[in-house]
Each structure stands twice: as C-alpha cells, then as structure tokens.
C-alpha atoms as a PDB file:
ATOM      1  CA  MET A   1     116.144  37.742 143.106  1.00  0.00           C
ATOM      2  CA  LYS A   2     115.724  38.281 138.836  1.00  0.00           C
ATOM      3  CA  LYS A   3     117.861  39.204 136.461  1.00  0.00           C
ATOM      4  CA  TYR A   4     116.210  42.079 134.903  1.00  0.00           C
ATOM      5  CA  ILE A   5     112.443  42.804 135.801  1.00  0.00           C
ATOM      6  CA  THR A   6     109.965  43.717 133.327  1.00  0.00           C
ATOM      7  CA  GLY A   7     109.319  47.424 132.601  1.00  0.00           C
ATOM      8  CA  CYS A   8     112.252  48.374 134.919  1.00  0.00           C
ATOM      9  CA  ILE A   9     114.668  51.037 133.590  1.00  0.00           C
ATOM     10  CA  TYR A  10     118.364  49.892 132.169  1.00  0.00           C
ATOM     11  CA  ALA A  11     121.065  51.317 131.097  1.00  0.00           C
ATOM     12  CA  ILE A  12     121.172  49.297 126.965  1.00  0.00           C
ATOM     13  CA  ASN A  13     123.700  49.191 124.339  1.00  0.00           C
ATOM     14  CA  PHE A  14     121.818  49.992 121.401  1.00  0.00           C
ATOM     15  CA  GLN A  15     125.219  49.316 119.039  1.00  0.00           C
ATOM     16  CA  GLY A  16     123.344  51.652 116.967  1.00  0.00           C
ATOM     17  CA  VAL A  17     125.117  53.012 113.993  1.00  0.00           C
ATOM     18  CA  GLU A  18     122.454  55.048 111.482  1.00  0.00           C
ATOM     19  CA  GLU A  19     121.498  58.382 112.171  1.00  0.00           C
ATOM     20  CA  TYR A  20     118.230  57.615 112.345  1.00  0.00           C
ATOM     21  CA  GLU A  21     119.722  55.211 115.540  1.00  0.00           C
ATOM     22  CA  PHE A  22     119.726  55.323 119.302  1.00  0.00           C
ATOM     23  CA  LYS A  23     123.815  54.727 119.530  1.00  0.00           C
ATOM     24  CA  GLY A  24     125.737  53.231 122.314  1.00  0.00           C
ATOM     25  CA  VAL A  25     124.321  53.195 125.867  1.00  0.00           C
ATOM     26  CA  HIS A  26     121.026  54.704 126.663  1.00  0.00           C
ATOM     27  CA  PRO A  27     118.238  54.583 129.282  1.00  0.00           C
ATOM     28  CA  ALA A  28     115.212  52.428 128.089  1.00  0.00           C
ATOM     29  CA  MET A  29     112.338  50.290 129.762  1.00  0.00           C
ATOM     30  CA  VAL A  30     112.654  46.563 129.204  1.00  0.00           C
ATOM     31  CA  VAL A  31     109.614  44.426 128.573  1.00  0.00           C
ATOM     32  CA  ARG A  32     110.663  40.602 128.489  1.00  0.00           C
ATOM     33  CA  MET A  33     109.891  38.497 125.087  1.00  0.00           C
ATOM     34  CA  LEU A  34     107.213  35.942 125.617  1.00  0.00           C
ATOM     35  CA  LYS A  35     108.791  32.884 124.300  1.00  0.00           C
ATOM     36  CA  GLU A  36     112.539  34.469 124.648  1.00  0.00           C
ATOM     37  CA  ASP A  37     114.207  34.005 128.118  1.00  0.00           C
ATOM     38  CA  LYS A  38     117.304  36.337 126.565  1.00  0.00           C
ATOM     39  CA  MET A  39     115.231  38.600 124.621  1.00  0.00           C
ATOM     40  CA  TYR A  40     113.959  41.910 125.519  1.00  0.00           C
ATOM     41  CA  TYR A  41     112.322  44.854 123.858  1.00  0.00           C
ATOM     42  CA  ALA A  42     113.710  48.055 124.544  1.00  0.00           C
ATOM     43  CA  ILE A  43     111.951  51.235 124.508  1.00  0.00           C
ATOM     44  CA  PRO A  44     114.408  54.321 124.883  1.00  0.00           C
ATOM     45  CA  LEU A  45     113.904  56.985 127.067  1.00  0.00           C
ATOM     46  CA  THR A  46     114.943  60.374 126.361  1.00  0.00           C
ATOM     47  CA  THR A  47     115.230  63.717 129.124  1.00  0.00           C
ATOM     48  CA  TYR A  48     112.242  65.410 129.058  1.00  0.00           C
ATOM     49  CA  THR A  49     111.992  69.066 126.890  1.00  0.00           C
ATOM     50  CA  LYS A  50     109.861  70.872 125.790  1.00  0.00           C
ATOM     51  CA  GLU A  51     111.538  71.205 121.941  1.00  0.00           C
ATOM     52  CA  ARG A  52     111.854  67.366 122.189  1.00  0.00           C
ATOM     53  CA  TRP A  53     107.884  66.699 123.269  1.00  0.00           C
ATOM     54  CA  VAL A  54     106.433  69.252 120.370  1.00  0.00           C
ATOM     55  CA  LYS A  55     108.664  66.694 118.025  1.00  0.00           C
ATOM     56  CA  CYS A  56     107.521  63.703 119.909  1.00  0.00           C
ATOM     57  CA  LYS A  57     103.832  64.395 119.674  1.00  0.00           C
ATOM     58  CA  ARG A  58     103.994  66.122 115.987  1.00  0.00           C
ATOM     59  CA  GLN A  59     105.338  62.466 114.793  1.00  0.00           C
ATOM     60  CA  GLY A  60     102.764  60.712 117.519  1.00  0.00           C
ATOM     61  CA  PHE A  61     104.609  58.287 118.947  1.00  0.00           C
ATOM     62  CA  GLY A  62     106.342  60.007 122.108  1.00  0.00           C
ATOM     63  CA  CYS A  63     105.150  59.092 125.785  1.00  0.00           C
ATOM     64  CA  ARG A  64     106.185  61.040 129.008  1.00  0.00           C
ATOM     65  CA  ILE A  65     107.257  59.706 132.022  1.00  0.00           C
ATOM     66  CA  LEU A  66     106.406  62.590 134.390  1.00  0.00           C
ATOM     67  CA  SER A  67     108.147  60.278 137.573  1.00  0.00           C
ATOM     68  CA  THR A  68     111.725  60.270 135.627  1.00  0.00           C
ATOM     69  CA  ASN A  69     111.394  63.451 133.627  1.00  0.00           C
ATOM     70  CA  SER A  70     111.700  61.095 130.392  1.00  0.00           C
ATOM     71  CA  ILE A  71     110.335  60.483 127.253  1.00  0.00           C
ATOM     72  CA  ALA A  72     109.514  56.746 126.095  1.00  0.00           C
ATOM     73  CA  ARG A  73     110.674  56.550 122.292  1.00  0.00           C
ATOM     74  CA  VAL A  74     107.909  54.009 121.357  1.00  0.00           C
ATOM     75  CA  ASP A  75     108.506  54.605 117.386  1.00  0.00           C
ATOM     76  CA  LYS A  76     112.332  53.525 118.459  1.00  0.00           C
ATOM     77  CA  MET A  77     111.737  50.512 120.347  1.00  0.00           C
ATOM     78  CA  LEU A  78     114.347  47.318 119.463  1.00  0.00           C
ATOM     79  CA  VAL A  79     115.040  44.007 120.108  1.00  0.00           C
ATOM     80  CA  VAL A  80     117.804  43.479 122.302  1.00  0.00           C
ATOM     81  CA  SER A  81     119.747  40.270 124.247  1.00  0.00           C
ATOM     82  CA  GLU A  82     120.120  40.147 127.228  1.00  0.00           C
ATOM     83  CA  LYS A  83     123.941  40.666 126.547  1.00  0.00           C
ATOM     84  CA  GLN A  84     122.982  44.397 125.971  1.00  0.00           C
ATOM     85  CA  ILE A  85     121.574  44.912 128.914  1.00  0.00           C
ATOM     86  CA  LEU A  86     124.388  46.581 131.074  1.00  0.00           C
ATOM     87  CA  LYS A  87     122.881  47.521 134.549  1.00  0.00           C
ATOM     88  CA  ARG A  88     119.634  49.199 135.885  1.00  0.00           C
ATOM     89  CA  TYR A  89     120.331  53.337 134.862  1.00  0.00           C
ATOM     90  CA  TYR A  90     120.829  55.741 137.907  1.00  0.00           C
ATOM     91  CA  ASN A  91     120.943  58.839 137.937  1.00  0.00           C
ATOM     92  CA  SER A  92     122.485  61.037 140.688  1.00  0.00           C
ATOM     93  CA  GLY A  93     123.584  57.744 142.160  1.00  0.00           C
ATOM     94  CA  LYS A  94     120.034  56.766 142.546  1.00  0.00           C
ATOM     95  CA  VAL A  95     118.047  53.654 140.479  1.00  0.00           C
ATOM     96  CA  ILE A  96     115.769  55.352 138.186  1.00  0.00           C
ATOM     97  CA  TYR A  97     112.312  53.765 138.094  1.00  0.00           C
ATOM     98  CA  ALA A  98     108.649  54.914 136.905  1.00  0.00           C
ATOM     99  CA  ASN A  99     105.140  53.978 139.206  1.00  0.00           C
ATOM    100  CA  PRO A 100     103.077  51.372 137.231  1.00  0.00           C
ATOM    101  CA  ASP A 101     100.279  53.467 135.723  1.00  0.00           C
ATOM    102  CA  GLU A 102     103.549  55.543 133.583  1.00  0.00           C
ATOM    103  CA  ILE A 103     104.653  52.192 132.080  1.00  0.00           C
ATOM    104  CA  GLU A 104     101.175  50.774 131.599  1.00  0.00           C
ATOM    105  CA  LYS A 105     100.885  53.712 130.207  1.00  0.00           C
ATOM    106  CA  VAL A 106     103.996  53.149 127.874  1.00  0.00           C
ATOM    107  CA  VAL A 107     103.023  49.558 127.087  1.00  0.00           C
ATOM    108  CA  LEU A 108      99.546  50.358 125.800  1.00  0.00           C
ATOM    109  CA  ARG A 109     101.538  53.036 123.324  1.00  0.00           C
ATOM    110  CA  VAL A 110     103.554  50.566 122.584  1.00  0.00           C
ATOM    111  CA  GLU A 111     100.242  47.861 121.769  1.00  0.00           C
ATOM    112  CA  GLU A 112      98.881  51.159 119.655  1.00  0.00           C
ATOM    113  CA  TYR A 113     102.186  51.410 117.562  1.00  0.00           C
ATOM    114  CA  LEU A 114     102.180  47.935 116.718  1.00  0.00           C
ATOM    115  CA  GLU A 115      98.411  47.743 115.419  1.00  0.00           C
ATOM    116  CA  LEU A 116      98.891  50.856 113.656  1.00  0.00           C
ATOM    117  CA  ALA A 117     102.179  49.858 112.222  1.00  0.00           C
ATOM    118  CA  ASN A 118     100.689  45.835 111.809  1.00  0.00           C
ATOM    119  CA  ARG A 119      98.045  47.701 109.421  1.00  0.00           C
ATOM    120  CA  LYS A 120      99.841  49.562 107.240  1.00  0.00           C
ATOM    121  CA  GLY A 121     102.362  46.657 106.781  1.00  0.00           C
ATOM    122  CA  LEU A 122      99.137  44.620 105.845  1.00  0.00           C
ATOM    123  CA  ASN A 123      98.146  47.320 103.428  1.00  0.00           C
ATOM    124  CA  GLU A 124     100.958  47.566 101.657  1.00  0.00           C
ATOM    125  CA  TYR A 125     101.690  43.777 101.382  1.00  0.00           C
ATOM    126  CA  ARG A 126      98.247  43.977  99.656  1.00  0.00           C
ATOM    127  CA  LYS A 127      99.494  46.513  97.781  1.00  0.00           C
ATOM    128  CA  TYR A 128     102.563  44.502  96.555  1.00  0.00           C
ATOM    129  CA  PHE A 129     101.041  41.732  95.747  1.00  0.00           C
ATOM    130  CA  GLU A 130      98.010  43.062  92.839  1.00  0.00           C
ATOM    131  CA  ALA A 131     101.155  44.623  91.578  1.00  0.00           C
ATOM    132  CA  ARG A 132     103.029  41.726  91.004  1.00  0.00           C
ATOM    133  CA  ASP A 133     100.122  39.744  90.063  1.00  0.00           C
ATOM    134  CA  THR A 134      99.181  42.346  87.528  1.00  0.00           C
ATOM    135  CA  PHE A 135     102.902  42.562  86.065  1.00  0.00           C
ATOM    136  CA  PHE A 136     102.910  38.831  85.881  1.00  0.00           C
ATOM    137  CA  ASN A 137      99.842  38.484  84.082  1.00  0.00           C
ATOM    138  CA  ARG A 138     100.677  41.157  81.667  1.00  0.00           C
ATOM    139  CA  MET A 139     103.872  39.522  80.862  1.00  0.00           C
ATOM    140  CA  ARG A 140     102.401  35.928  80.541  1.00  0.00           C
ATOM    141  CA  LYS A 141     100.343  38.130  78.195  1.00  0.00           C
ATOM    142  CA  ILE A 142     102.893  39.225  76.141  1.00  0.00           C
ATOM    143  CA  LEU A 143     106.073  37.036  76.066  1.00  0.00           C
ATOM    144  CA  LEU A 144     103.533  33.230  76.459  1.00  0.00           C
ATOM    145  CA  GLU A 145     100.282  34.075  74.470  1.00  0.00           C
ATOM    146  CA  CYS A 146     102.154  36.777  72.470  1.00  0.00           C
ATOM    147  CA  SER A 147      98.863  38.830  72.806  1.00  0.00           C
ATOM    148  CA  PHE A 148     100.013  41.970  72.041  1.00  0.00           C
ATOM    149  CA  GLU A 149      96.763  44.242  71.278  1.00  0.00           C
ATOM    150  CA  ASP A 150      96.392  45.667  75.289  1.00  0.00           C
ATOM    151  CA  MET A 151     100.030  45.484  76.324  1.00  0.00           C
ATOM    152  CA  CYS A 152     100.364  48.773  77.267  1.00  0.00           C
ATOM    153  CA  CYS A 153     103.974  49.011  76.697  1.00  0.00           C
ATOM    154  CA  ASP A 154     106.300  49.969  74.360  1.00  0.00           C
ATOM    155  CA  MET A 155     108.956  46.977  73.274  1.00  0.00           C
ATOM    156  CA  VAL A 156     111.859  46.678  71.055  1.00  0.00           C
ATOM    157  CA  VAL A 157     112.501  42.837  69.811  1.00  0.00           C
ATOM    158  CA  GLY A 158     116.096  41.818  68.856  1.00  0.00           C
ATOM    159  CA  ASP A 159     117.674  38.638  67.768  1.00  0.00           C
ATOM    160  CA  ASP A 160     118.117  37.238  70.958  1.00  0.00           C
ATOM    161  CA  THR A 161     116.993  40.625  73.455  1.00  0.00           C
ATOM    162  CA  ILE A 162     113.511  42.298  74.275  1.00  0.00           C
ATOM    163  CA  GLU A 163     113.380  45.328  75.929  1.00  0.00           C
ATOM    164  CA  ILE A 164     109.921  46.454  77.590  1.00  0.00           C
ATOM    165  CA  VAL A 165     109.441  50.052  78.676  1.00  0.00           C
ATOM    166  CA  MET A 166     107.156  50.923  80.559  1.00  0.00           C
ATOM    167  CA  ASP A 167     105.912  53.612  82.896  1.00  0.00           C
ATOM    168  CA  LYS A 168     107.280  53.693  86.664  1.00  0.00           C
ATOM    169  CA  GLN A 169     104.202  53.361  88.151  1.00  0.00           C
ATOM    170  CA  VAL A 170     103.843  50.051  87.085  1.00  0.00           C
ATOM    171  CA  PHE A 171     106.891  49.133  89.418  1.00  0.00           C
ATOM    172  CA  SER A 172     106.474  51.155  92.479  1.00  0.00           C
ATOM    173  CA  ASN A 173     105.431  48.432  94.691  1.00  0.00           C
ATOM    174  CA  ILE A 174     107.255  46.051  93.353  1.00  0.00           C
ATOM    175  CA  ALA A 175     111.190  45.190  93.759  1.00  0.00           C
ATOM    176  CA  PHE A 176     114.142  43.991  91.085  1.00  0.00           C
ATOM    177  CA  GLU A 177     113.335  40.382  92.721  1.00  0.00           C
ATOM    178  CA  ASP A 178     109.459  40.257  91.648  1.00  0.00           C
ATOM    179  CA  ILE A 179     110.928  41.321  87.896  1.00  0.00           C
ATOM    180  CA  GLU A 180     113.920  39.008  88.069  1.00  0.00           C
ATOM    181  CA  GLY A 181     111.228  36.337  89.147  1.00  0.00           C
ATOM    182  CA  ILE A 182     108.676  36.301  87.305  1.00  0.00           C
ATOM    183  CA  LEU A 183     110.494  36.901  84.236  1.00  0.00           C
ATOM    184  CA  PHE A 184     112.646  33.541  85.110  1.00  0.00           C
ATOM    185  CA  ASP A 185     109.197  31.839  86.206  1.00  0.00           C
ATOM    186  CA  LEU A 186     107.493  32.634  82.949  1.00  0.00           C
ATOM    187  CA  ILE A 187     110.712  32.101  80.653  1.00  0.00           C
ATOM    188  CA  GLY A 188     113.857  31.152  82.201  1.00  0.00           C
ATOM    189  CA  THR A 189     115.874  34.071  82.166  1.00  0.00           C
ATOM    190  CA  GLN A 190     118.329  35.257  84.264  1.00  0.00           C
ATOM    191  CA  ASN A 191     120.038  38.201  83.230  1.00  0.00           C
ATOM    192  CA  VAL A 192     117.656  40.833  83.570  1.00  0.00           C
ATOM    193  CA  VAL A 193     118.562  44.515  82.822  1.00  0.00           C
ATOM    194  CA  VAL A 194     116.939  47.370  84.638  1.00  0.00           C
ATOM    195  CA  GLU A 195     117.244  50.669  83.529  1.00  0.00           C
ATOM    196  CA  LYS A 196     115.616  53.942  85.525  1.00  0.00           C
ATOM    197  CA  LYS A 197     114.833  57.063  83.278  1.00  0.00           C
ATOM    198  CA  LEU A 198     112.085  59.016  83.104  1.00  0.00           C
ATOM    199  CA  LYS A 199     110.092  55.169  82.115  1.00  0.00           C
ATOM    200  CA  ILE A 200     111.969  51.879  83.274  1.00  0.00           C
ATOM    201  CA  THR A 201     113.499  49.680  80.357  1.00  0.00           C
ATOM    202  CA  LEU A 202     113.747  45.352  81.289  1.00  0.00           C
ATOM    203  CA  ARG A 203     116.507  44.155  78.896  1.00  0.00           C
ATOM    204  CA  PHE A 204     116.911  40.669  78.843  1.00  0.00           C
ATOM    205  CA  SER A 205     118.053  37.422  76.912  1.00  0.00           C
ATOM    206  CA  VAL A 206     115.744  34.501  75.334  1.00  0.00           C
ATOM    207  CA  ASP A 207     116.228  31.147  74.673  1.00  0.00           C
ATOM    208  CA  LYS A 208     117.105  31.311  70.717  1.00  0.00           C
ATOM    209  CA  LYS A 209     114.565  28.881  69.939  1.00  0.00           C
ATOM    210  CA  LYS A 210     111.921  30.562  71.563  1.00  0.00           C
ATOM    211  CA  MET A 211     113.166  34.283  70.529  1.00  0.00           C
ATOM    212  CA  LEU A 212     112.743  32.898  66.809  1.00  0.00           C
ATOM    213  CA  THR A 213     109.005  31.957  67.447  1.00  0.00           C
ATOM    214  CA  PHE A 214     108.302  35.024  69.663  1.00  0.00           C
ATOM    215  CA  LYS A 215     109.920  37.513  67.186  1.00  0.00           C
ATOM    216  CA  GLU A 216     107.581  35.584  64.130  1.00  0.00           C
ATOM    217  CA  ARG A 217     104.492  36.920  65.968  1.00  0.00           C
ATOM    218  CA  TYR A 218     105.425  39.794  67.185  1.00  0.00           C
ATOM    219  CA  ASP A 219     106.854  40.794  63.635  1.00  0.00           C
ATOM    220  CA  LYS A 220     103.239  39.467  62.372  1.00  0.00           C
ATOM    221  CA  PHE A 221     101.791  41.846  64.780  1.00  0.00           C
ATOM    222  CA  LYS A 222     103.505  45.140  63.816  1.00  0.00           C
ATOM    223  CA  GLU A 223     102.600  44.220  60.430  1.00  0.00           C
ATOM    224  CA  GLN A 224      98.675  44.164  60.441  1.00  0.00           C
ATOM    225  CA  LYS A 225      98.904  46.918  62.806  1.00  0.00           C
ATOM    226  CA  GLY A 226     100.867  48.818  60.099  1.00  0.00           C
ATOM    227  CA  ASP A 227      98.535  47.918  57.762  1.00  0.00           C
ATOM    228  CA  GLY A 228      95.251  48.740  59.451  1.00  0.00           C
ATOM    229  CA  ASN A 229      96.682  52.381  60.402  1.00  0.00           C
ATOM    230  CA  MET A 230      97.190  52.987  56.780  1.00  0.00           C
END
C-alpha cells in the first residue's frame, strides 16, 4: 500500500510564522516531487466562500474544487517534507478527495503559475544583471581609469575616503552585496557604508597609495573643469 498518494488531500502542518503564510494544520493537495521520495509540493485548500473566491479571482491564482467545496490556493504552494504530512484529511468522519478532472485543473493551474513566475524571475534577473554591469562599468571608469567627464554622480574625495552620491534609480535593481563586491573587485575595499536619503551615498576607504594617485588626478580634473567654466 502507498503511504502518500499524489493528488490526495492531507492534513499538513505548514508551520507558518508570518501573516502572509498558512499557519498550523491545514488541508492541502500533495504532489510528490520528481526525484525526492520524501518531499512534496503542497497546495493549501481553504473553504469556499463568495468573498474568498472574489479575492482569489482578483489575484488570479485560486482554483475552485466543487466536490470538496474548497479553493486551492495555488499562489500559496509550498514544498514540505513527509514529516509535515500528518494524515488524510477528514470532514464529518469521511475522507475528503476530489475527482481526477478537478485535480488535473489544479495541476494545470500550478504549471501556469510556475511558468509566469519563472518568466517574471528571469526578466527581473536580466534587469539586475544589466544594472550590475552598468554600475560596475561606471565605477571602473571612475576608480580605475580616473575618467570623470561623464561620471553622472557627485563625489567628495578626502585623504583616505571617497564619497559617491548617485540617484536611487541606479540602485533599484541591485543589492548592497553587489555594491560591496564590485568595489572590492575594483579597489579591494571591504568597509562600504551606504547612506539612504533623497539620493544614495556610498562611502568607502581606499588604500593610501592608490588614494594619493587618485586624488591627484581628481584634483587636476576639478582645476581643469573650473578653468573651463571661467
């Protein structure tokens, strides 16, 4: 006999702690993962009401199961271990199950949801990679090539620190780890401070020898720029 049957409805301990998560024990449809015998996809079910169905249709990823008077929350699907699967789900002393056509409808909805999520994720990653590449090239021109003509930022150069002020839009698709990693790759700094106000300020120290050369070239650029504006 099988221990857990794909497509059947079980009582699952979701162990949620956040407000947006399912918490505690809930009925859910389980689907065994392809290569993991003890791991399952679990699609939580919630009792059907008109209000819940309207909300799910508005969000786009509820799937109604008429035979169990429930809504499969495809958008709340989680991966669970078999330890979280407690037992078959009962209502009024009877085992609850849906017919195959309804289970197929839920599975197809899951496939649609995952496809859309994957497309969105890929698009976001492309935006991230493009933004990271743009930031890297900007910093390379400023910090390594000492090319200040088109740097598109404000800069304050001290004796051993540099402050670079840029619009927030520059950083909208990258994270602190990317900023820190790029500056480390370029000049070896590990103590980056980010200040968030109307604009983003990056503050970091530079090796004294490198800083001396950089400051000389930056001061010369400022002098030339000042002469040109007179």
